[in-house]
Amino acid sequence: SKEAVEPIGSEFRRVFEEINFGSSVKEGLQSLSMRNTSEDIRYFVIAVLVHLQTGGSLTSLLLGLSSLIRDRQRLRRLGRVLSAEGRLSAWILTILPFGTALLMYTVNPEFVSVLWTHPTGYLLIQITLGLMIIGVLWMRKIIQFRI
């Protein structure tokens, strides 16, 4: 725990102290898993608990686990890179109607002013904003995925 970077160093230190104060290794690791939301920590705790019950080489277990964690991080980064085009498209499609309206207002203010002076124009603005919000949420749902 002294060599590990924060925040995991203090977490391992806390587990060590719990074990020194009378908790079992299983209880200490389970409390570590309960305190942290990281899936990687959960994998670590499960792997060590299974190892305590079954035995075997702890070194090979931890090497395999570290390889798994690195592969998951690599996949997350790859997913982020592959979804970058979708995220950029979502931003552009969100900003484009406002930019177009501003440009049209600059060129011909009377043409666009009908949208906020006439009741039907006001209704069209509301419908458009509602559909844009639905579109943004939909694009966000498509772009976000869990690895």
N, C-alpha and C. Protein backbone atom coordinates (compact mmCIF):
# COMPACT_ATOMS: atom_id res chain seq x y z
N SER A 1 0.82 -1.21 0.00
CA SER A 1 0.00 0.00 0.00
C SER A 1 0.86 1.26 0.00
N LYS A 2 2.10 1.15 0.48
CA LYS A 2 2.98 2.33 0.52
C LYS A 2 3.49 2.69 -0.86
N GLU A 3 3.63 1.70 -1.74
CA GLU A 3 4.18 1.94 -3.07
C GLU A 3 3.11 2.28 -4.10
N ALA A 4 1.87 1.95 -3.81
CA ALA A 4 0.78 2.17 -4.77
C ALA A 4 0.39 3.65 -4.81
N VAL A 5 -0.06 4.06 -5.98
CA VAL A 5 -0.52 5.44 -6.16
C VAL A 5 -1.91 5.61 -5.53
N GLU A 6 -2.25 6.84 -5.26
CA GLU A 6 -3.57 7.12 -4.69
C GLU A 6 -4.61 7.07 -5.80
N PRO A 7 -5.80 6.69 -5.54
CA PRO A 7 -6.42 6.39 -4.26
C PRO A 7 -6.31 4.93 -3.86
N ILE A 8 -5.78 4.08 -4.73
CA ILE A 8 -5.77 2.64 -4.42
C ILE A 8 -4.82 2.32 -3.27
N GLY A 9 -3.76 3.11 -3.11
CA GLY A 9 -2.82 2.88 -2.01
C GLY A 9 -3.50 2.99 -0.66
N SER A 10 -4.29 4.02 -0.48
CA SER A 10 -4.99 4.19 0.80
C SER A 10 -6.07 3.13 0.99
N GLU A 11 -6.67 2.67 -0.10
CA GLU A 11 -7.67 1.60 0.01
C GLU A 11 -7.02 0.29 0.46
N PHE A 12 -5.86 -0.05 -0.14
CA PHE A 12 -5.15 -1.26 0.29
C PHE A 12 -4.68 -1.12 1.74
N ARG A 13 -4.26 0.07 2.10
CA ARG A 13 -3.84 0.33 3.49
C ARG A 13 -5.02 0.10 4.44
N ARG A 14 -6.18 0.53 4.03
CA ARG A 14 -7.38 0.35 4.86
C ARG A 14 -7.73 -1.13 5.00
N VAL A 15 -7.61 -1.89 3.91
CA VAL A 15 -7.86 -3.34 3.98
C VAL A 15 -6.85 -3.98 4.93
N PHE A 16 -5.60 -3.59 4.81
CA PHE A 16 -4.55 -4.12 5.68
C PHE A 16 -4.87 -3.84 7.14
N GLU A 17 -5.31 -2.63 7.44
CA GLU A 17 -5.65 -2.27 8.82
C GLU A 17 -6.86 -3.04 9.32
N GLU A 18 -7.85 -3.24 8.45
CA GLU A 18 -9.03 -4.02 8.84
C GLU A 18 -8.63 -5.45 9.20
N ILE A 19 -7.73 -6.04 8.41
CA ILE A 19 -7.27 -7.40 8.68
C ILE A 19 -6.48 -7.43 9.99
N ASN A 20 -5.64 -6.43 10.22
CA ASN A 20 -4.87 -6.36 11.46
C ASN A 20 -5.76 -6.19 12.69
N PHE A 21 -6.92 -5.55 12.53
CA PHE A 21 -7.83 -5.33 13.66
C PHE A 21 -8.80 -6.49 13.86
N GLY A 22 -8.60 -7.58 13.13
CA GLY A 22 -9.39 -8.78 13.41
C GLY A 22 -10.33 -9.24 12.31
N SER A 23 -10.51 -8.48 11.26
CA SER A 23 -11.36 -8.94 10.16
C SER A 23 -10.62 -10.03 9.38
N SER A 24 -11.39 -10.88 8.73
CA SER A 24 -10.76 -11.89 7.87
C SER A 24 -10.35 -11.23 6.56
N VAL A 25 -9.51 -11.92 5.81
CA VAL A 25 -9.10 -11.40 4.50
C VAL A 25 -10.33 -11.25 3.61
N LYS A 26 -11.22 -12.22 3.69
CA LYS A 26 -12.44 -12.17 2.88
C LYS A 26 -13.26 -10.93 3.21
N GLU A 27 -13.45 -10.65 4.50
CA GLU A 27 -14.23 -9.48 4.92
C GLU A 27 -13.55 -8.18 4.49
N GLY A 28 -12.23 -8.12 4.62
CA GLY A 28 -11.49 -6.92 4.22
C GLY A 28 -11.62 -6.65 2.74
N LEU A 29 -11.49 -7.71 1.93
CA LEU A 29 -11.60 -7.54 0.48
C LEU A 29 -13.04 -7.21 0.07
N GLN A 30 -14.00 -7.82 0.73
CA GLN A 30 -15.40 -7.51 0.40
C GLN A 30 -15.74 -6.06 0.75
N SER A 31 -15.19 -5.56 1.86
CA SER A 31 -15.44 -4.16 2.19
C SER A 31 -14.77 -3.23 1.17
N LEU A 32 -13.61 -3.64 0.66
CA LEU A 32 -12.96 -2.87 -0.41
C LEU A 32 -13.86 -2.81 -1.64
N SER A 33 -14.44 -3.95 -1.98
CA SER A 33 -15.33 -4.00 -3.14
C SER A 33 -16.58 -3.17 -2.93
N MET A 34 -17.09 -3.14 -1.71
CA MET A 34 -18.30 -2.37 -1.42
C MET A 34 -18.03 -0.86 -1.44
N ARG A 35 -16.84 -0.45 -1.05
CA ARG A 35 -16.50 0.98 -1.00
C ARG A 35 -16.24 1.56 -2.38
N ASN A 36 -15.85 0.72 -3.34
CA ASN A 36 -15.45 1.22 -4.66
C ASN A 36 -16.43 0.74 -5.71
N THR A 37 -16.67 1.58 -6.69
CA THR A 37 -17.58 1.23 -7.78
C THR A 37 -16.85 0.68 -8.99
N SER A 38 -15.54 0.60 -8.94
CA SER A 38 -14.75 0.16 -10.08
C SER A 38 -14.95 -1.33 -10.34
N GLU A 39 -15.27 -1.66 -11.59
CA GLU A 39 -15.41 -3.07 -11.96
C GLU A 39 -14.07 -3.78 -11.85
N ASP A 40 -12.98 -3.07 -12.13
CA ASP A 40 -11.66 -3.69 -12.05
C ASP A 40 -11.35 -4.12 -10.62
N ILE A 41 -11.75 -3.33 -9.65
CA ILE A 41 -11.53 -3.72 -8.24
C ILE A 41 -12.39 -4.92 -7.91
N ARG A 42 -13.60 -4.95 -8.42
CA ARG A 42 -14.46 -6.12 -8.18
C ARG A 42 -13.84 -7.37 -8.77
N TYR A 43 -13.30 -7.27 -9.98
CA TYR A 43 -12.62 -8.43 -10.58
C TYR A 43 -11.46 -8.88 -9.71
N PHE A 44 -10.69 -7.92 -9.22
CA PHE A 44 -9.55 -8.24 -8.36
C PHE A 44 -10.01 -8.97 -7.10
N VAL A 45 -11.03 -8.45 -6.44
CA VAL A 45 -11.52 -9.05 -5.20
C VAL A 45 -12.05 -10.46 -5.46
N ILE A 46 -12.83 -10.63 -6.50
CA ILE A 46 -13.36 -11.96 -6.82
C ILE A 46 -12.24 -12.93 -7.12
N ALA A 47 -11.25 -12.48 -7.90
CA ALA A 47 -10.14 -13.37 -8.26
C ALA A 47 -9.35 -13.79 -7.02
N VAL A 48 -9.08 -12.85 -6.12
CA VAL A 48 -8.31 -13.19 -4.91
C VAL A 48 -9.13 -14.08 -3.99
N LEU A 49 -10.43 -13.83 -3.86
CA LEU A 49 -11.27 -14.67 -3.01
C LEU A 49 -11.37 -16.09 -3.56
N VAL A 50 -11.50 -16.22 -4.86
CA VAL A 50 -11.52 -17.56 -5.47
C VAL A 50 -10.18 -18.23 -5.26
N HIS A 51 -9.09 -17.48 -5.40
CA HIS A 51 -7.76 -18.04 -5.19
C HIS A 51 -7.58 -18.52 -3.75
N LEU A 52 -8.12 -17.78 -2.78
CA LEU A 52 -8.02 -18.19 -1.38
C LEU A 52 -8.73 -19.52 -1.14
N GLN A 53 -9.81 -19.76 -1.87
CA GLN A 53 -10.56 -21.01 -1.68
C GLN A 53 -9.95 -22.17 -2.45
N THR A 54 -9.43 -21.90 -3.64
CA THR A 54 -8.98 -22.99 -4.50
C THR A 54 -7.48 -23.19 -4.49
N GLY A 55 -6.73 -22.16 -4.17
CA GLY A 55 -5.27 -22.26 -4.21
C GLY A 55 -4.75 -22.04 -5.62
N GLY A 56 -3.49 -22.34 -5.83
CA GLY A 56 -2.87 -22.15 -7.14
C GLY A 56 -1.86 -21.03 -7.11
N SER A 57 -1.44 -20.64 -8.29
CA SER A 57 -0.40 -19.63 -8.42
C SER A 57 -1.03 -18.23 -8.40
N LEU A 58 -0.75 -17.49 -7.34
CA LEU A 58 -1.26 -16.12 -7.23
C LEU A 58 -0.62 -15.23 -8.28
N THR A 59 0.64 -15.50 -8.60
CA THR A 59 1.34 -14.68 -9.60
C THR A 59 0.66 -14.77 -10.96
N SER A 60 0.37 -16.00 -11.40
CA SER A 60 -0.27 -16.15 -12.72
C SER A 60 -1.68 -15.56 -12.70
N LEU A 61 -2.36 -15.68 -11.57
CA LEU A 61 -3.69 -15.10 -11.45
C LEU A 61 -3.63 -13.58 -11.60
N LEU A 62 -2.71 -12.94 -10.89
CA LEU A 62 -2.61 -11.48 -10.95
C LEU A 62 -2.10 -11.01 -12.31
N LEU A 63 -1.22 -11.78 -12.94
CA LEU A 63 -0.77 -11.43 -14.29
C LEU A 63 -1.94 -11.48 -15.28
N GLY A 64 -2.74 -12.53 -15.18
CA GLY A 64 -3.91 -12.64 -16.05
C GLY A 64 -4.90 -11.52 -15.80
N LEU A 65 -5.10 -11.19 -14.53
CA LEU A 65 -6.02 -10.11 -14.18
C LEU A 65 -5.52 -8.76 -14.70
N SER A 66 -4.22 -8.51 -14.55
CA SER A 66 -3.67 -7.24 -15.06
C SER A 66 -3.79 -7.17 -16.57
N SER A 67 -3.61 -8.30 -17.24
CA SER A 67 -3.77 -8.33 -18.69
C SER A 67 -5.23 -8.03 -19.07
N LEU A 68 -6.16 -8.60 -18.33
CA LEU A 68 -7.58 -8.35 -18.58
C LEU A 68 -7.91 -6.87 -18.39
N ILE A 69 -7.40 -6.28 -17.32
CA ILE A 69 -7.69 -4.87 -17.04
C ILE A 69 -7.09 -3.97 -18.12
N ARG A 70 -5.86 -4.28 -18.55
CA ARG A 70 -5.24 -3.48 -19.63
C ARG A 70 -6.03 -3.60 -20.93
N ASP A 71 -6.48 -4.83 -21.25
CA ASP A 71 -7.27 -5.03 -22.47
C ASP A 71 -8.58 -4.25 -22.41
N ARG A 72 -9.22 -4.23 -21.25
CA ARG A 72 -10.47 -3.47 -21.10
C ARG A 72 -10.21 -1.97 -21.29
N GLN A 73 -9.11 -1.47 -20.74
CA GLN A 73 -8.78 -0.05 -20.92
C GLN A 73 -8.50 0.26 -22.38
N ARG A 74 -7.80 -0.65 -23.05
CA ARG A 74 -7.51 -0.46 -24.47
C ARG A 74 -8.81 -0.44 -25.28
N LEU A 75 -9.75 -1.32 -24.95
CA LEU A 75 -11.03 -1.34 -25.65
C LEU A 75 -11.83 -0.07 -25.39
N ARG A 76 -11.78 0.44 -24.16
CA ARG A 76 -12.48 1.70 -23.86
C ARG A 76 -11.92 2.84 -24.71
N ARG A 77 -10.58 2.90 -24.79
CA ARG A 77 -9.97 3.97 -25.60
C ARG A 77 -10.34 3.81 -27.06
N LEU A 78 -10.32 2.58 -27.56
CA LEU A 78 -10.68 2.33 -28.95
C LEU A 78 -12.14 2.72 -29.20
N GLY A 79 -13.02 2.38 -28.28
CA GLY A 79 -14.42 2.76 -28.41
C GLY A 79 -14.60 4.26 -28.44
N ARG A 80 -13.82 4.95 -27.63
CA ARG A 80 -13.88 6.43 -27.60
C ARG A 80 -13.43 7.01 -28.94
N VAL A 81 -12.37 6.44 -29.49
CA VAL A 81 -11.86 6.91 -30.78
C VAL A 81 -12.87 6.62 -31.89
N LEU A 82 -13.43 5.42 -31.88
CA LEU A 82 -14.36 5.05 -32.94
C LEU A 82 -15.67 5.83 -32.87
N SER A 83 -16.05 6.28 -31.68
CA SER A 83 -17.29 7.04 -31.56
C SER A 83 -17.07 8.55 -31.72
N ALA A 84 -15.84 8.98 -31.95
CA ALA A 84 -15.55 10.41 -32.08
C ALA A 84 -16.30 11.03 -33.25
N GLU A 85 -16.37 10.33 -34.36
CA GLU A 85 -17.08 10.86 -35.53
C GLU A 85 -18.56 11.05 -35.21
N GLY A 86 -19.15 10.09 -34.52
CA GLY A 86 -20.55 10.21 -34.14
C GLY A 86 -20.79 11.36 -33.18
N ARG A 87 -19.87 11.55 -32.23
CA ARG A 87 -20.00 12.66 -31.29
C ARG A 87 -19.91 14.00 -32.00
N LEU A 88 -18.95 14.12 -32.95
CA LEU A 88 -18.82 15.35 -33.71
C LEU A 88 -20.06 15.61 -34.55
N SER A 89 -20.59 14.57 -35.18
CA SER A 89 -21.81 14.72 -35.97
C SER A 89 -22.97 15.17 -35.10
N ALA A 90 -23.05 14.63 -33.89
CA ALA A 90 -24.13 15.02 -32.98
C ALA A 90 -24.03 16.50 -32.63
N TRP A 91 -22.83 16.97 -32.35
CA TRP A 91 -22.64 18.40 -32.04
C TRP A 91 -23.03 19.27 -33.23
N ILE A 92 -22.57 18.88 -34.41
CA ILE A 92 -22.86 19.68 -35.61
C ILE A 92 -24.36 19.72 -35.88
N LEU A 93 -25.02 18.55 -35.79
CA LEU A 93 -26.46 18.52 -36.04
C LEU A 93 -27.25 19.28 -34.98
N THR A 94 -26.70 19.41 -33.80
CA THR A 94 -27.38 20.17 -32.75
C THR A 94 -27.22 21.67 -32.98
N ILE A 95 -26.06 22.10 -33.40
CA ILE A 95 -25.77 23.53 -33.57
C ILE A 95 -26.26 24.06 -34.91
N LEU A 96 -26.31 23.22 -35.92
CA LEU A 96 -26.64 23.65 -37.28
C LEU A 96 -27.98 24.41 -37.39
N PRO A 97 -29.07 23.95 -36.81
CA PRO A 97 -30.33 24.72 -36.96
C PRO A 97 -30.24 26.13 -36.38
N PHE A 98 -29.54 26.27 -35.25
CA PHE A 98 -29.41 27.60 -34.65
C PHE A 98 -28.54 28.50 -35.54
N GLY A 99 -27.49 27.94 -36.10
CA GLY A 99 -26.63 28.71 -37.01
C GLY A 99 -27.38 29.12 -38.26
N THR A 100 -28.18 28.21 -38.79
CA THR A 100 -28.97 28.52 -39.98
C THR A 100 -29.99 29.62 -39.68
N ALA A 101 -30.65 29.51 -38.53
CA ALA A 101 -31.64 30.54 -38.16
C ALA A 101 -30.97 31.90 -37.99
N LEU A 102 -29.80 31.92 -37.37
CA LEU A 102 -29.07 33.18 -37.18
C LEU A 102 -28.66 33.77 -38.53
N LEU A 103 -28.18 32.93 -39.43
CA LEU A 103 -27.79 33.39 -40.76
C LEU A 103 -29.00 33.94 -41.51
N MET A 104 -30.12 33.23 -41.45
CA MET A 104 -31.32 33.70 -42.13
C MET A 104 -31.81 35.01 -41.53
N TYR A 105 -31.70 35.15 -40.21
CA TYR A 105 -32.12 36.39 -39.55
C TYR A 105 -31.22 37.55 -39.96
N THR A 106 -29.93 37.26 -40.14
CA THR A 106 -29.00 38.30 -40.57
C THR A 106 -29.31 38.76 -41.99
N VAL A 107 -29.64 37.81 -42.86
CA VAL A 107 -29.91 38.13 -44.26
C VAL A 107 -31.29 38.78 -44.43
N ASN A 108 -32.30 38.19 -43.81
CA ASN A 108 -33.66 38.69 -43.98
C ASN A 108 -34.42 38.58 -42.65
N PRO A 109 -34.33 39.58 -41.79
CA PRO A 109 -34.95 39.51 -40.46
C PRO A 109 -36.47 39.34 -40.49
N GLU A 110 -37.13 39.92 -41.48
CA GLU A 110 -38.58 39.82 -41.55
C GLU A 110 -39.03 38.39 -41.82
N PHE A 111 -38.26 37.65 -42.58
CA PHE A 111 -38.60 36.27 -42.92
C PHE A 111 -38.61 35.39 -41.67
N VAL A 112 -37.63 35.57 -40.80
CA VAL A 112 -37.50 34.74 -39.61
C VAL A 112 -38.34 35.27 -38.46
N SER A 113 -38.59 36.57 -38.42
CA SER A 113 -39.33 37.16 -37.29
C SER A 113 -40.76 36.62 -37.20
N VAL A 114 -41.27 36.05 -38.27
CA VAL A 114 -42.61 35.46 -38.25
C VAL A 114 -42.66 34.33 -37.21
N LEU A 115 -41.53 33.68 -36.98
CA LEU A 115 -41.51 32.55 -36.05
C LEU A 115 -41.85 32.96 -34.62
N TRP A 116 -41.50 34.17 -34.21
CA TRP A 116 -41.83 34.56 -32.83
C TRP A 116 -42.89 35.64 -32.74
N THR A 117 -43.42 36.10 -33.88
CA THR A 117 -44.51 37.08 -33.83
C THR A 117 -45.86 36.45 -34.12
N HIS A 118 -45.89 35.33 -34.79
CA HIS A 118 -47.15 34.67 -35.15
C HIS A 118 -47.33 33.42 -34.27
N PRO A 119 -48.55 33.12 -33.83
CA PRO A 119 -48.77 31.95 -32.96
C PRO A 119 -48.34 30.63 -33.60
N THR A 120 -48.56 30.49 -34.90
CA THR A 120 -48.13 29.26 -35.57
C THR A 120 -46.60 29.16 -35.60
N GLY A 121 -45.93 30.28 -35.78
CA GLY A 121 -44.47 30.28 -35.75
C GLY A 121 -43.94 29.87 -34.39
N TYR A 122 -44.60 30.38 -33.34
CA TYR A 122 -44.20 30.02 -31.98
C TYR A 122 -44.39 28.52 -31.74
N LEU A 123 -45.50 27.97 -32.25
CA LEU A 123 -45.75 26.53 -32.14
C LEU A 123 -44.68 25.74 -32.90
N LEU A 124 -44.31 26.22 -34.08
CA LEU A 124 -43.26 25.55 -34.85
C LEU A 124 -41.92 25.54 -34.11
N ILE A 125 -41.60 26.65 -33.44
CA ILE A 125 -40.36 26.70 -32.65
C ILE A 125 -40.41 25.66 -31.53
N GLN A 126 -41.56 25.56 -30.84
CA GLN A 126 -41.68 24.59 -29.76
C GLN A 126 -41.55 23.16 -30.27
N ILE A 127 -42.21 22.85 -31.36
CA ILE A 127 -42.13 21.50 -31.94
C ILE A 127 -40.70 21.20 -32.37
N THR A 128 -40.07 22.16 -33.01
CA THR A 128 -38.68 21.98 -33.47
C THR A 128 -37.75 21.73 -32.30
N LEU A 129 -37.87 22.52 -31.24
CA LEU A 129 -37.01 22.33 -30.07
C LEU A 129 -37.27 20.97 -29.42
N GLY A 130 -38.53 20.56 -29.36
CA GLY A 130 -38.86 19.25 -28.80
C GLY A 130 -38.23 18.12 -29.62
N LEU A 131 -38.36 18.21 -30.94
CA LEU A 131 -37.77 17.19 -31.80
C LEU A 131 -36.24 17.20 -31.73
N MET A 132 -35.67 18.40 -31.59
CA MET A 132 -34.21 18.47 -31.45
C MET A 132 -33.74 17.81 -30.16
N ILE A 133 -34.48 18.02 -29.08
CA ILE A 133 -34.12 17.38 -27.81
C ILE A 133 -34.21 15.87 -27.93
N ILE A 134 -35.27 15.38 -28.56
CA ILE A 134 -35.40 13.94 -28.79
C ILE A 134 -34.24 13.43 -29.64
N GLY A 135 -33.89 14.17 -30.69
CA GLY A 135 -32.78 13.77 -31.55
C GLY A 135 -31.45 13.73 -30.81
N VAL A 136 -31.20 14.73 -29.98
CA VAL A 136 -29.95 14.77 -29.21
C VAL A 136 -29.88 13.58 -28.26
N LEU A 137 -30.98 13.30 -27.56
CA LEU A 137 -31.00 12.16 -26.64
C LEU A 137 -30.81 10.84 -27.39
N TRP A 138 -31.42 10.75 -28.55
CA TRP A 138 -31.31 9.54 -29.35
C TRP A 138 -29.86 9.35 -29.83
N MET A 139 -29.26 10.41 -30.35
CA MET A 139 -27.86 10.32 -30.80
C MET A 139 -26.95 9.97 -29.64
N ARG A 140 -27.22 10.56 -28.49
CA ARG A 140 -26.39 10.27 -27.31
C ARG A 140 -26.48 8.80 -26.92
N LYS A 141 -27.69 8.25 -27.01
CA LYS A 141 -27.90 6.83 -26.68
C LYS A 141 -27.16 5.93 -27.68
N ILE A 142 -27.16 6.31 -28.94
CA ILE A 142 -26.48 5.52 -29.97
C ILE A 142 -24.97 5.58 -29.78
N ILE A 143 -24.45 6.74 -29.45
CA ILE A 143 -23.00 6.94 -29.36
C ILE A 143 -22.42 6.29 -28.11
N GLN A 144 -23.14 6.35 -27.00
CA GLN A 144 -22.61 5.81 -25.75
C GLN A 144 -22.84 4.31 -25.69
N PHE A 145 -21.77 3.59 -25.41
CA PHE A 145 -21.86 2.16 -25.19
C PHE A 145 -20.90 1.76 -24.09
N ARG A 146 -21.20 0.67 -23.46
CA ARG A 146 -20.43 0.24 -22.29
C ARG A 146 -19.55 -0.94 -22.66
N ILE A 147 -18.29 -0.84 -22.25
CA ILE A 147 -17.35 -1.94 -22.50
C ILE A 147 -17.03 -2.60 -21.19
